[in-house]
Amino acid sequence: METQRTLEAVAIKDGKWWEISIPELDQVTAAKKLSEVQEYAESLATAILNVPEGSVTVNVTYGLPESSRECIACVLRYLIDRCNATES
């Protein structure tokens, strides 16, 4: 009996596509729809590891694109500055 393997993946929206990365396998794939991300991640893992479908669990974490992270950081800095100004 084969042991169930668990991998971590990160999916980030890049334009019209979801880029799915599995760092442990050093592999990337892409899905057009959010609803396809989990399936594509599992399919990539089973293909690369050459194991039967269902023998790998892939935990997908959804990340923000760099531009969104920068925007959020900017808003947070603004809010902190406003709070600090109000306390003075």
N, C-alpha and C. Protein backbone atom coordinates (compact mmCIF):
# COMPACT_ATOMS: atom_id res chain seq x y z
N MET A 1 0.84 -1.19 0.00
CA MET A 1 0.00 0.00 0.00
C MET A 1 0.88 1.25 0.00
N GLU A 2 0.53 2.19 -0.85
CA GLU A 2 1.31 3.42 -0.96
C GLU A 2 0.91 4.44 0.11
N THR A 3 1.90 5.15 0.63
CA THR A 3 1.65 6.19 1.62
C THR A 3 1.14 7.43 0.91
N GLN A 4 0.12 8.06 1.49
CA GLN A 4 -0.42 9.30 0.95
C GLN A 4 0.61 10.41 1.15
N ARG A 5 0.92 11.11 0.11
CA ARG A 5 1.88 12.22 0.18
C ARG A 5 1.12 13.53 0.14
N THR A 6 1.56 14.51 0.92
CA THR A 6 0.93 15.82 0.96
C THR A 6 1.92 16.87 0.51
N LEU A 7 1.49 17.71 -0.42
CA LEU A 7 2.32 18.79 -0.94
C LEU A 7 1.61 20.12 -0.74
N GLU A 8 2.39 21.17 -0.73
CA GLU A 8 1.85 22.53 -0.63
C GLU A 8 1.99 23.22 -1.98
N ALA A 9 0.96 23.93 -2.37
CA ALA A 9 0.99 24.70 -3.62
C ALA A 9 0.52 26.12 -3.33
N VAL A 10 0.94 27.04 -4.19
CA VAL A 10 0.52 28.43 -4.09
C VAL A 10 -0.07 28.83 -5.43
N ALA A 11 -1.27 29.41 -5.39
CA ALA A 11 -1.93 29.89 -6.61
C ALA A 11 -2.08 31.40 -6.53
N ILE A 12 -1.60 32.08 -7.58
CA ILE A 12 -1.67 33.54 -7.63
C ILE A 12 -2.27 33.94 -8.97
N LYS A 13 -3.24 34.82 -8.92
CA LYS A 13 -3.87 35.34 -10.14
C LYS A 13 -2.88 36.20 -10.90
N ASP A 14 -2.69 35.88 -12.17
CA ASP A 14 -1.76 36.62 -13.02
C ASP A 14 -2.48 36.93 -14.33
N GLY A 15 -3.06 38.10 -14.40
CA GLY A 15 -3.86 38.45 -15.57
C GLY A 15 -5.12 37.61 -15.60
N LYS A 16 -5.33 36.88 -16.70
CA LYS A 16 -6.52 36.04 -16.83
C LYS A 16 -6.29 34.62 -16.33
N TRP A 17 -5.09 34.33 -15.85
CA TRP A 17 -4.73 32.97 -15.46
C TRP A 17 -4.39 32.89 -13.98
N TRP A 18 -4.55 31.69 -13.41
CA TRP A 18 -4.07 31.38 -12.07
C TRP A 18 -2.78 30.61 -12.23
N GLU A 19 -1.68 31.16 -11.74
CA GLU A 19 -0.40 30.47 -11.77
C GLU A 19 -0.30 29.61 -10.51
N ILE A 20 -0.07 28.31 -10.71
CA ILE A 20 -0.03 27.36 -9.61
C ILE A 20 1.39 26.81 -9.49
N SER A 21 2.00 27.04 -8.35
CA SER A 21 3.37 26.61 -8.11
C SER A 21 3.40 25.56 -7.00
N ILE A 22 4.16 24.48 -7.25
CA ILE A 22 4.42 23.49 -6.21
C ILE A 22 5.93 23.52 -5.96
N PRO A 23 6.37 24.34 -5.01
CA PRO A 23 7.80 24.53 -4.78
C PRO A 23 8.59 23.25 -4.52
N GLU A 24 8.02 22.33 -3.77
CA GLU A 24 8.73 21.09 -3.44
C GLU A 24 9.09 20.28 -4.69
N LEU A 25 8.27 20.41 -5.72
CA LEU A 25 8.52 19.72 -6.98
C LEU A 25 9.21 20.61 -8.01
N ASP A 26 9.36 21.89 -7.67
CA ASP A 26 9.94 22.87 -8.59
C ASP A 26 9.19 22.88 -9.92
N GLN A 27 7.85 22.91 -9.82
CA GLN A 27 6.99 22.85 -10.99
C GLN A 27 5.90 23.91 -10.92
N VAL A 28 5.46 24.35 -12.11
CA VAL A 28 4.42 25.37 -12.22
C VAL A 28 3.45 24.95 -13.32
N THR A 29 2.18 25.25 -13.11
CA THR A 29 1.17 25.07 -14.15
C THR A 29 0.23 26.26 -14.06
N ALA A 30 -0.76 26.31 -14.92
CA ALA A 30 -1.70 27.42 -14.90
C ALA A 30 -3.10 26.93 -15.18
N ALA A 31 -4.07 27.61 -14.59
CA ALA A 31 -5.48 27.31 -14.80
C ALA A 31 -6.20 28.59 -15.17
N LYS A 32 -7.17 28.48 -16.03
CA LYS A 32 -7.93 29.64 -16.47
C LYS A 32 -8.96 30.07 -15.41
N LYS A 33 -9.54 29.09 -14.75
CA LYS A 33 -10.62 29.37 -13.79
C LYS A 33 -10.20 28.98 -12.37
N LEU A 34 -10.69 29.72 -11.41
CA LEU A 34 -10.45 29.43 -10.00
C LEU A 34 -10.91 28.01 -9.67
N SER A 35 -12.02 27.60 -10.23
CA SER A 35 -12.57 26.28 -9.95
C SER A 35 -11.69 25.14 -10.45
N GLU A 36 -10.71 25.43 -11.30
CA GLU A 36 -9.81 24.42 -11.85
C GLU A 36 -8.49 24.29 -11.08
N VAL A 37 -8.21 25.23 -10.20
CA VAL A 37 -6.91 25.30 -9.54
C VAL A 37 -6.56 24.01 -8.80
N GLN A 38 -7.45 23.53 -7.95
CA GLN A 38 -7.18 22.32 -7.16
C GLN A 38 -6.93 21.13 -8.07
N GLU A 39 -7.78 20.95 -9.05
CA GLU A 39 -7.65 19.83 -9.99
C GLU A 39 -6.31 19.87 -10.73
N TYR A 40 -5.93 21.06 -11.21
CA TYR A 40 -4.68 21.20 -11.95
C TYR A 40 -3.46 20.96 -11.07
N ALA A 41 -3.54 21.42 -9.82
CA ALA A 41 -2.44 21.20 -8.88
C ALA A 41 -2.25 19.71 -8.62
N GLU A 42 -3.34 19.00 -8.39
CA GLU A 42 -3.26 17.57 -8.14
C GLU A 42 -2.80 16.81 -9.38
N SER A 43 -3.27 17.22 -10.54
CA SER A 43 -2.87 16.59 -11.79
C SER A 43 -1.37 16.77 -12.04
N LEU A 44 -0.86 17.96 -11.80
CA LEU A 44 0.57 18.22 -11.96
C LEU A 44 1.38 17.34 -11.02
N ALA A 45 0.96 17.28 -9.76
CA ALA A 45 1.70 16.49 -8.76
C ALA A 45 1.73 15.01 -9.13
N THR A 46 0.59 14.45 -9.51
CA THR A 46 0.57 13.02 -9.85
C THR A 46 1.39 12.73 -11.10
N ALA A 47 1.38 13.64 -12.06
CA ALA A 47 2.15 13.44 -13.29
C ALA A 47 3.66 13.48 -13.00
N ILE A 48 4.09 14.46 -12.24
CA ILE A 48 5.52 14.61 -11.95
C ILE A 48 6.03 13.47 -11.08
N LEU A 49 5.23 13.06 -10.10
CA LEU A 49 5.64 11.99 -9.20
C LEU A 49 5.39 10.60 -9.78
N ASN A 50 4.65 10.56 -10.89
CA ASN A 50 4.32 9.29 -11.56
C ASN A 50 3.63 8.32 -10.59
N VAL A 51 2.59 8.84 -9.94
CA VAL A 51 1.81 8.05 -9.00
C VAL A 51 0.35 8.07 -9.43
N PRO A 52 -0.45 7.12 -8.94
CA PRO A 52 -1.86 7.09 -9.31
C PRO A 52 -2.63 8.31 -8.81
N GLU A 53 -3.64 8.67 -9.56
CA GLU A 53 -4.53 9.76 -9.16
C GLU A 53 -5.12 9.43 -7.79
N GLY A 54 -5.18 10.43 -6.92
CA GLY A 54 -5.72 10.22 -5.58
C GLY A 54 -4.68 9.83 -4.54
N SER A 55 -3.45 9.60 -4.96
CA SER A 55 -2.42 9.21 -4.00
C SER A 55 -1.62 10.40 -3.48
N VAL A 56 -1.97 11.59 -3.96
CA VAL A 56 -1.30 12.81 -3.52
C VAL A 56 -2.36 13.82 -3.09
N THR A 57 -2.12 14.44 -1.96
CA THR A 57 -2.97 15.53 -1.50
C THR A 57 -2.20 16.82 -1.71
N VAL A 58 -2.83 17.80 -2.34
CA VAL A 58 -2.19 19.09 -2.55
C VAL A 58 -3.01 20.15 -1.82
N ASN A 59 -2.37 20.80 -0.85
CA ASN A 59 -3.00 21.91 -0.14
C ASN A 59 -2.66 23.20 -0.88
N VAL A 60 -3.67 23.85 -1.42
CA VAL A 60 -3.46 25.07 -2.19
C VAL A 60 -3.72 26.28 -1.32
N THR A 61 -2.74 27.18 -1.29
CA THR A 61 -2.88 28.47 -0.62
C THR A 61 -2.99 29.51 -1.72
N TYR A 62 -3.92 30.43 -1.57
CA TYR A 62 -4.13 31.47 -2.57
C TYR A 62 -3.42 32.74 -2.13
N GLY A 63 -2.55 33.25 -2.99
CA GLY A 63 -1.77 34.44 -2.68
C GLY A 63 -2.24 35.64 -3.48
N LEU A 64 -1.71 36.78 -3.11
CA LEU A 64 -2.01 38.02 -3.83
C LEU A 64 -0.88 38.35 -4.78
N PRO A 65 -1.21 38.89 -5.94
CA PRO A 65 -0.16 39.36 -6.85
C PRO A 65 0.67 40.46 -6.18
N GLU A 66 1.90 40.62 -6.61
CA GLU A 66 2.80 41.63 -6.04
C GLU A 66 2.15 43.02 -6.07
N SER A 67 1.49 43.38 -7.15
CA SER A 67 0.88 44.71 -7.24
C SER A 67 -0.18 44.92 -6.16
N SER A 68 -0.93 43.88 -5.84
CA SER A 68 -1.94 43.98 -4.79
C SER A 68 -1.29 44.12 -3.42
N ARG A 69 -0.22 43.35 -3.19
CA ARG A 69 0.49 43.45 -1.90
C ARG A 69 1.05 44.85 -1.71
N GLU A 70 1.60 45.45 -2.77
CA GLU A 70 2.14 46.80 -2.69
C GLU A 70 1.04 47.80 -2.37
N CYS A 71 -0.11 47.64 -3.00
CA CYS A 71 -1.24 48.54 -2.77
C CYS A 71 -1.73 48.44 -1.33
N ILE A 72 -1.85 47.23 -0.83
CA ILE A 72 -2.30 47.02 0.55
C ILE A 72 -1.29 47.62 1.53
N ALA A 73 -0.01 47.44 1.27
CA ALA A 73 1.02 48.01 2.14
C ALA A 73 0.93 49.53 2.16
N CYS A 74 0.66 50.13 1.01
CA CYS A 74 0.53 51.58 0.91
C CYS A 74 -0.67 52.07 1.73
N VAL A 75 -1.78 51.39 1.62
CA VAL A 75 -2.99 51.76 2.37
C VAL A 75 -2.73 51.61 3.87
N LEU A 76 -2.07 50.55 4.28
CA LEU A 76 -1.77 50.36 5.69
C LEU A 76 -0.86 51.46 6.23
N ARG A 77 0.16 51.84 5.44
CA ARG A 77 1.03 52.94 5.88
C ARG A 77 0.23 54.23 6.04
N TYR A 78 -0.67 54.49 5.11
CA TYR A 78 -1.52 55.69 5.17
C TYR A 78 -2.37 55.67 6.44
N LEU A 79 -2.99 54.52 6.72
CA LEU A 79 -3.85 54.43 7.90
C LEU A 79 -3.05 54.59 9.19
N ILE A 80 -1.88 54.02 9.25
CA ILE A 80 -1.02 54.17 10.43
C ILE A 80 -0.63 55.63 10.61
N ASP A 81 -0.27 56.29 9.52
CA ASP A 81 0.07 57.72 9.59
C ASP A 81 -1.10 58.53 10.10
N ARG A 82 -2.30 58.24 9.61
CA ARG A 82 -3.50 58.97 10.04
C ARG A 82 -3.77 58.74 11.52
N CYS A 83 -3.60 57.51 11.97
CA CYS A 83 -3.82 57.20 13.39
C CYS A 83 -2.81 57.94 14.26
N ASN A 84 -1.55 57.94 13.83
CA ASN A 84 -0.51 58.63 14.57
C ASN A 84 -0.77 60.13 14.61
N ALA A 85 -1.24 60.70 13.52
CA ALA A 85 -1.54 62.14 13.47
C ALA A 85 -2.70 62.48 14.39
N THR A 86 -3.68 61.61 14.49
CA THR A 86 -4.84 61.84 15.34
C THR A 86 -4.47 61.78 16.81
N GLU A 87 -3.52 60.92 17.16
CA GLU A 87 -3.09 60.78 18.55
C GLU A 87 -2.27 61.97 19.02
N SER A 88 -1.67 62.71 18.11
CA SER A 88 -0.80 63.83 18.49
C SER A 88 -1.57 65.03 18.99
